[in-house]
Amino acid sequence: MKFSSGEYRGYDTDRSVVLFSMIDGYTEVPCAISSDAMDFLDGAKRTSPAQREEQFMRLRTSIEQRAERKFEAAELEGKPAGIILRSIDFR
């Protein structure tokens, strides 16, 4: 089975990350991308929380491609194990 898109979960203002998921076969993999990483990808500065969902959707293909590469490299973090994308992942 292919690693595929899951769901957009929302913006966590406390952690400044967008939460989303990817699907590995029948298993949901929790994922997050920092707001700094999205702004880096977008060439933006300090996107407002209200605009994060739109920004994520626009950048989704690039974000999910990088999440898949981290998954394939077994670069999982946290409990439950998931993928966390930071701006350094896109440089």
N, C-alpha and C. Protein backbone atom coordinates (compact mmCIF):
# COMPACT_ATOMS: atom_id res chain seq x y z
N MET A 1 0.83 -1.19 0.00
CA MET A 1 0.00 0.00 0.00
C MET A 1 0.88 1.25 0.00
N LYS A 2 0.33 2.27 -0.55
CA LYS A 2 1.04 3.54 -0.67
C LYS A 2 0.76 4.44 0.52
N PHE A 3 1.76 5.21 0.90
CA PHE A 3 1.60 6.24 1.92
C PHE A 3 0.74 7.33 1.29
N SER A 4 -0.36 7.69 1.91
CA SER A 4 -1.29 8.61 1.27
C SER A 4 -1.82 9.67 2.24
N SER A 5 -2.53 10.62 1.67
CA SER A 5 -3.10 11.72 2.44
C SER A 5 -4.09 11.23 3.47
N GLY A 6 -4.04 11.88 4.63
CA GLY A 6 -5.02 11.63 5.67
C GLY A 6 -5.89 12.86 5.82
N GLU A 7 -6.01 13.31 7.06
CA GLU A 7 -6.88 14.44 7.35
C GLU A 7 -6.12 15.66 7.86
N TYR A 8 -6.66 16.81 7.56
CA TYR A 8 -6.20 18.05 8.19
C TYR A 8 -6.85 18.07 9.56
N ARG A 9 -6.05 18.25 10.62
CA ARG A 9 -6.57 18.21 11.99
C ARG A 9 -6.74 19.60 12.61
N GLY A 10 -6.00 20.58 12.10
CA GLY A 10 -6.14 21.93 12.64
C GLY A 10 -4.83 22.54 13.07
N TYR A 11 -4.92 23.78 13.48
CA TYR A 11 -3.75 24.53 13.93
C TYR A 11 -3.71 24.55 15.45
N ASP A 12 -2.60 24.11 16.02
CA ASP A 12 -2.40 24.10 17.47
C ASP A 12 -1.63 25.38 17.83
N THR A 13 -2.34 26.37 18.37
CA THR A 13 -1.71 27.66 18.67
C THR A 13 -0.68 27.55 19.79
N ASP A 14 -0.88 26.64 20.73
CA ASP A 14 0.09 26.47 21.82
C ASP A 14 1.44 25.99 21.32
N ARG A 15 1.43 25.11 20.33
CA ARG A 15 2.68 24.56 19.80
C ARG A 15 3.11 25.19 18.48
N SER A 16 2.28 26.04 17.91
CA SER A 16 2.54 26.68 16.61
C SER A 16 2.81 25.65 15.51
N VAL A 17 1.94 24.66 15.45
CA VAL A 17 2.05 23.63 14.42
C VAL A 17 0.67 23.35 13.82
N VAL A 18 0.70 22.92 12.57
CA VAL A 18 -0.50 22.39 11.93
C VAL A 18 -0.46 20.88 12.10
N LEU A 19 -1.55 20.33 12.59
CA LEU A 19 -1.66 18.89 12.79
C LEU A 19 -2.41 18.28 11.61
N PHE A 20 -1.89 17.17 11.11
CA PHE A 20 -2.53 16.45 10.02
C PHE A 20 -2.14 14.99 10.14
N SER A 21 -2.66 14.16 9.27
CA SER A 21 -2.30 12.75 9.31
C SER A 21 -2.01 12.26 7.91
N MET A 22 -1.29 11.14 7.87
CA MET A 22 -1.03 10.41 6.64
C MET A 22 -1.48 8.98 6.90
N ILE A 23 -1.70 8.23 5.84
CA ILE A 23 -2.17 6.86 5.96
C ILE A 23 -1.12 5.92 5.36
N ASP A 24 -0.71 4.93 6.17
CA ASP A 24 0.20 3.88 5.72
C ASP A 24 -0.60 2.59 5.70
N GLY A 25 -1.08 2.23 4.53
CA GLY A 25 -1.95 1.07 4.44
C GLY A 25 -3.26 1.35 5.14
N TYR A 26 -3.45 0.74 6.31
CA TYR A 26 -4.65 0.96 7.10
C TYR A 26 -4.34 1.68 8.40
N THR A 27 -3.11 2.14 8.56
CA THR A 27 -2.69 2.78 9.79
C THR A 27 -2.56 4.29 9.61
N GLU A 28 -3.19 5.04 10.50
CA GLU A 28 -3.08 6.50 10.47
C GLU A 28 -1.81 6.91 11.20
N VAL A 29 -1.02 7.77 10.57
CA VAL A 29 0.24 8.26 11.14
C VAL A 29 0.05 9.73 11.50
N PRO A 30 0.17 10.08 12.80
CA PRO A 30 0.02 11.49 13.18
C PRO A 30 1.21 12.31 12.67
N CYS A 31 0.91 13.50 12.19
CA CYS A 31 1.95 14.37 11.63
C CYS A 31 1.72 15.81 12.09
N ALA A 32 2.79 16.59 12.07
CA ALA A 32 2.71 18.01 12.38
C ALA A 32 3.77 18.73 11.55
N ILE A 33 3.47 19.96 11.20
CA ILE A 33 4.43 20.83 10.53
C ILE A 33 4.42 22.16 11.26
N SER A 34 5.62 22.67 11.55
CA SER A 34 5.71 23.94 12.27
C SER A 34 5.26 25.09 11.39
N SER A 35 4.77 26.12 12.03
CA SER A 35 4.36 27.31 11.28
C SER A 35 5.57 27.94 10.59
N ASP A 36 6.75 27.86 11.23
CA ASP A 36 7.97 28.38 10.59
C ASP A 36 8.28 27.63 9.31
N ALA A 37 8.10 26.31 9.31
CA ALA A 37 8.36 25.51 8.11
C ALA A 37 7.39 25.89 6.99
N MET A 38 6.13 26.08 7.33
CA MET A 38 5.17 26.47 6.30
C MET A 38 5.48 27.85 5.75
N ASP A 39 5.84 28.78 6.63
CA ASP A 39 6.20 30.11 6.16
C ASP A 39 7.45 30.06 5.28
N PHE A 40 8.42 29.21 5.64
CA PHE A 40 9.62 29.05 4.83
C PHE A 40 9.25 28.54 3.44
N LEU A 41 8.43 27.51 3.39
CA LEU A 41 7.99 26.95 2.10
C LEU A 41 7.24 27.97 1.26
N ASP A 42 6.47 28.80 1.93
CA ASP A 42 5.59 29.76 1.27
C ASP A 42 6.29 31.09 0.96
N GLY A 43 7.49 31.29 1.51
CA GLY A 43 8.15 32.58 1.34
C GLY A 43 7.41 33.69 2.07
N ALA A 44 6.74 33.33 3.16
CA ALA A 44 5.93 34.29 3.92
C ALA A 44 6.57 34.56 5.28
N LYS A 45 6.06 35.57 5.94
CA LYS A 45 6.50 35.89 7.30
C LYS A 45 5.27 36.02 8.18
N ARG A 46 5.25 35.25 9.26
CA ARG A 46 4.21 35.36 10.29
C ARG A 46 2.79 35.31 9.74
N THR A 47 2.47 34.23 9.08
CA THR A 47 1.10 34.03 8.61
C THR A 47 0.19 33.93 9.83
N SER A 48 -0.97 34.53 9.75
CA SER A 48 -1.88 34.52 10.90
C SER A 48 -2.48 33.12 11.11
N PRO A 49 -2.81 32.79 12.35
CA PRO A 49 -3.43 31.49 12.63
C PRO A 49 -4.69 31.23 11.79
N ALA A 50 -5.45 32.26 11.52
CA ALA A 50 -6.67 32.11 10.73
C ALA A 50 -6.39 31.69 9.29
N GLN A 51 -5.16 31.91 8.81
CA GLN A 51 -4.81 31.59 7.43
C GLN A 51 -4.05 30.26 7.31
N ARG A 52 -3.80 29.57 8.42
CA ARG A 52 -2.98 28.35 8.39
C ARG A 52 -3.62 27.22 7.59
N GLU A 53 -4.90 27.03 7.70
CA GLU A 53 -5.53 25.93 6.95
C GLU A 53 -5.38 26.17 5.45
N GLU A 54 -5.68 27.36 4.99
CA GLU A 54 -5.54 27.68 3.57
C GLU A 54 -4.10 27.50 3.12
N GLN A 55 -3.15 27.95 3.94
CA GLN A 55 -1.73 27.82 3.61
C GLN A 55 -1.35 26.33 3.51
N PHE A 56 -1.80 25.55 4.48
CA PHE A 56 -1.51 24.11 4.45
C PHE A 56 -2.07 23.46 3.19
N MET A 57 -3.29 23.76 2.86
CA MET A 57 -3.92 23.15 1.68
C MET A 57 -3.18 23.52 0.40
N ARG A 58 -2.72 24.75 0.33
CA ARG A 58 -1.97 25.20 -0.85
C ARG A 58 -0.62 24.50 -0.96
N LEU A 59 0.01 24.23 0.19
CA LEU A 59 1.35 23.62 0.22
C LEU A 59 1.30 22.11 0.46
N ARG A 60 0.11 21.56 0.51
CA ARG A 60 -0.07 20.16 0.94
C ARG A 60 0.79 19.16 0.19
N THR A 61 0.88 19.28 -1.11
CA THR A 61 1.67 18.32 -1.90
C THR A 61 3.12 18.29 -1.44
N SER A 62 3.75 19.45 -1.29
CA SER A 62 5.15 19.51 -0.84
C SER A 62 5.30 18.98 0.58
N ILE A 63 4.36 19.33 1.44
CA ILE A 63 4.40 18.90 2.83
C ILE A 63 4.29 17.38 2.91
N GLU A 64 3.34 16.82 2.19
CA GLU A 64 3.13 15.38 2.25
C GLU A 64 4.28 14.60 1.61
N GLN A 65 4.90 15.14 0.57
CA GLN A 65 6.05 14.48 -0.04
C GLN A 65 7.19 14.39 0.97
N ARG A 66 7.42 15.48 1.71
CA ARG A 66 8.49 15.47 2.72
C ARG A 66 8.14 14.54 3.87
N ALA A 67 6.88 14.51 4.28
CA ALA A 67 6.44 13.59 5.34
C ALA A 67 6.67 12.14 4.91
N GLU A 68 6.39 11.85 3.66
CA GLU A 68 6.60 10.48 3.16
C GLU A 68 8.08 10.11 3.20
N ARG A 69 8.95 11.03 2.81
CA ARG A 69 10.39 10.74 2.85
C ARG A 69 10.85 10.49 4.28
N LYS A 70 10.36 11.28 5.24
CA LYS A 70 10.73 11.05 6.64
C LYS A 70 10.19 9.71 7.14
N PHE A 71 8.99 9.34 6.71
CA PHE A 71 8.41 8.07 7.10
C PHE A 71 9.24 6.91 6.56
N GLU A 72 9.60 7.00 5.28
CA GLU A 72 10.41 5.95 4.65
C GLU A 72 11.77 5.81 5.32
N ALA A 73 12.30 6.92 5.82
CA ALA A 73 13.60 6.91 6.52
C ALA A 73 13.44 6.56 8.00
N ALA A 74 12.23 6.25 8.41
CA ALA A 74 11.91 5.90 9.81
C ALA A 74 12.30 7.01 10.78
N GLU A 75 12.11 8.25 10.36
CA GLU A 75 12.41 9.42 11.21
C GLU A 75 11.14 9.81 11.97
N LEU A 76 10.69 8.92 12.85
CA LEU A 76 9.49 9.16 13.63
C LEU A 76 9.88 9.66 15.02
N GLU A 77 9.01 10.49 15.59
CA GLU A 77 9.26 11.07 16.90
C GLU A 77 8.01 10.98 17.75
N GLY A 78 8.20 11.04 19.07
CA GLY A 78 7.10 11.17 20.01
C GLY A 78 6.36 9.89 20.29
N LYS A 79 5.34 10.04 21.12
CA LYS A 79 4.45 8.94 21.49
C LYS A 79 3.03 9.42 21.42
N PRO A 80 2.20 8.92 20.55
CA PRO A 80 2.54 7.87 19.59
C PRO A 80 3.50 8.37 18.53
N ALA A 81 4.27 7.47 17.98
CA ALA A 81 5.27 7.84 16.98
C ALA A 81 4.61 8.50 15.78
N GLY A 82 5.18 9.62 15.37
CA GLY A 82 4.65 10.35 14.24
C GLY A 82 5.74 11.14 13.54
N ILE A 83 5.34 11.96 12.62
CA ILE A 83 6.26 12.76 11.82
C ILE A 83 6.10 14.22 12.21
N ILE A 84 7.23 14.86 12.47
CA ILE A 84 7.24 16.29 12.76
C ILE A 84 8.15 16.96 11.74
N LEU A 85 7.57 17.88 10.99
CA LEU A 85 8.33 18.60 9.96
C LEU A 85 8.68 19.99 10.48
N ARG A 86 9.95 20.33 10.32
CA ARG A 86 10.47 21.64 10.72
C ARG A 86 11.07 22.32 9.49
N SER A 87 11.36 23.61 9.61
CA SER A 87 11.89 24.32 8.44
C SER A 87 13.19 23.71 7.93
N ILE A 88 14.00 23.14 8.80
CA ILE A 88 15.25 22.50 8.37
C ILE A 88 14.99 21.32 7.42
N ASP A 89 13.82 20.72 7.51
CA ASP A 89 13.48 19.60 6.63
C ASP A 89 13.28 20.04 5.18
N PHE A 90 13.16 21.32 4.95
CA PHE A 90 12.89 21.84 3.60
C PHE A 90 14.06 22.63 3.03
N ARG A 91 15.17 22.63 3.70
CA ARG A 91 16.34 23.38 3.19
C ARG A 91 17.23 22.50 2.39
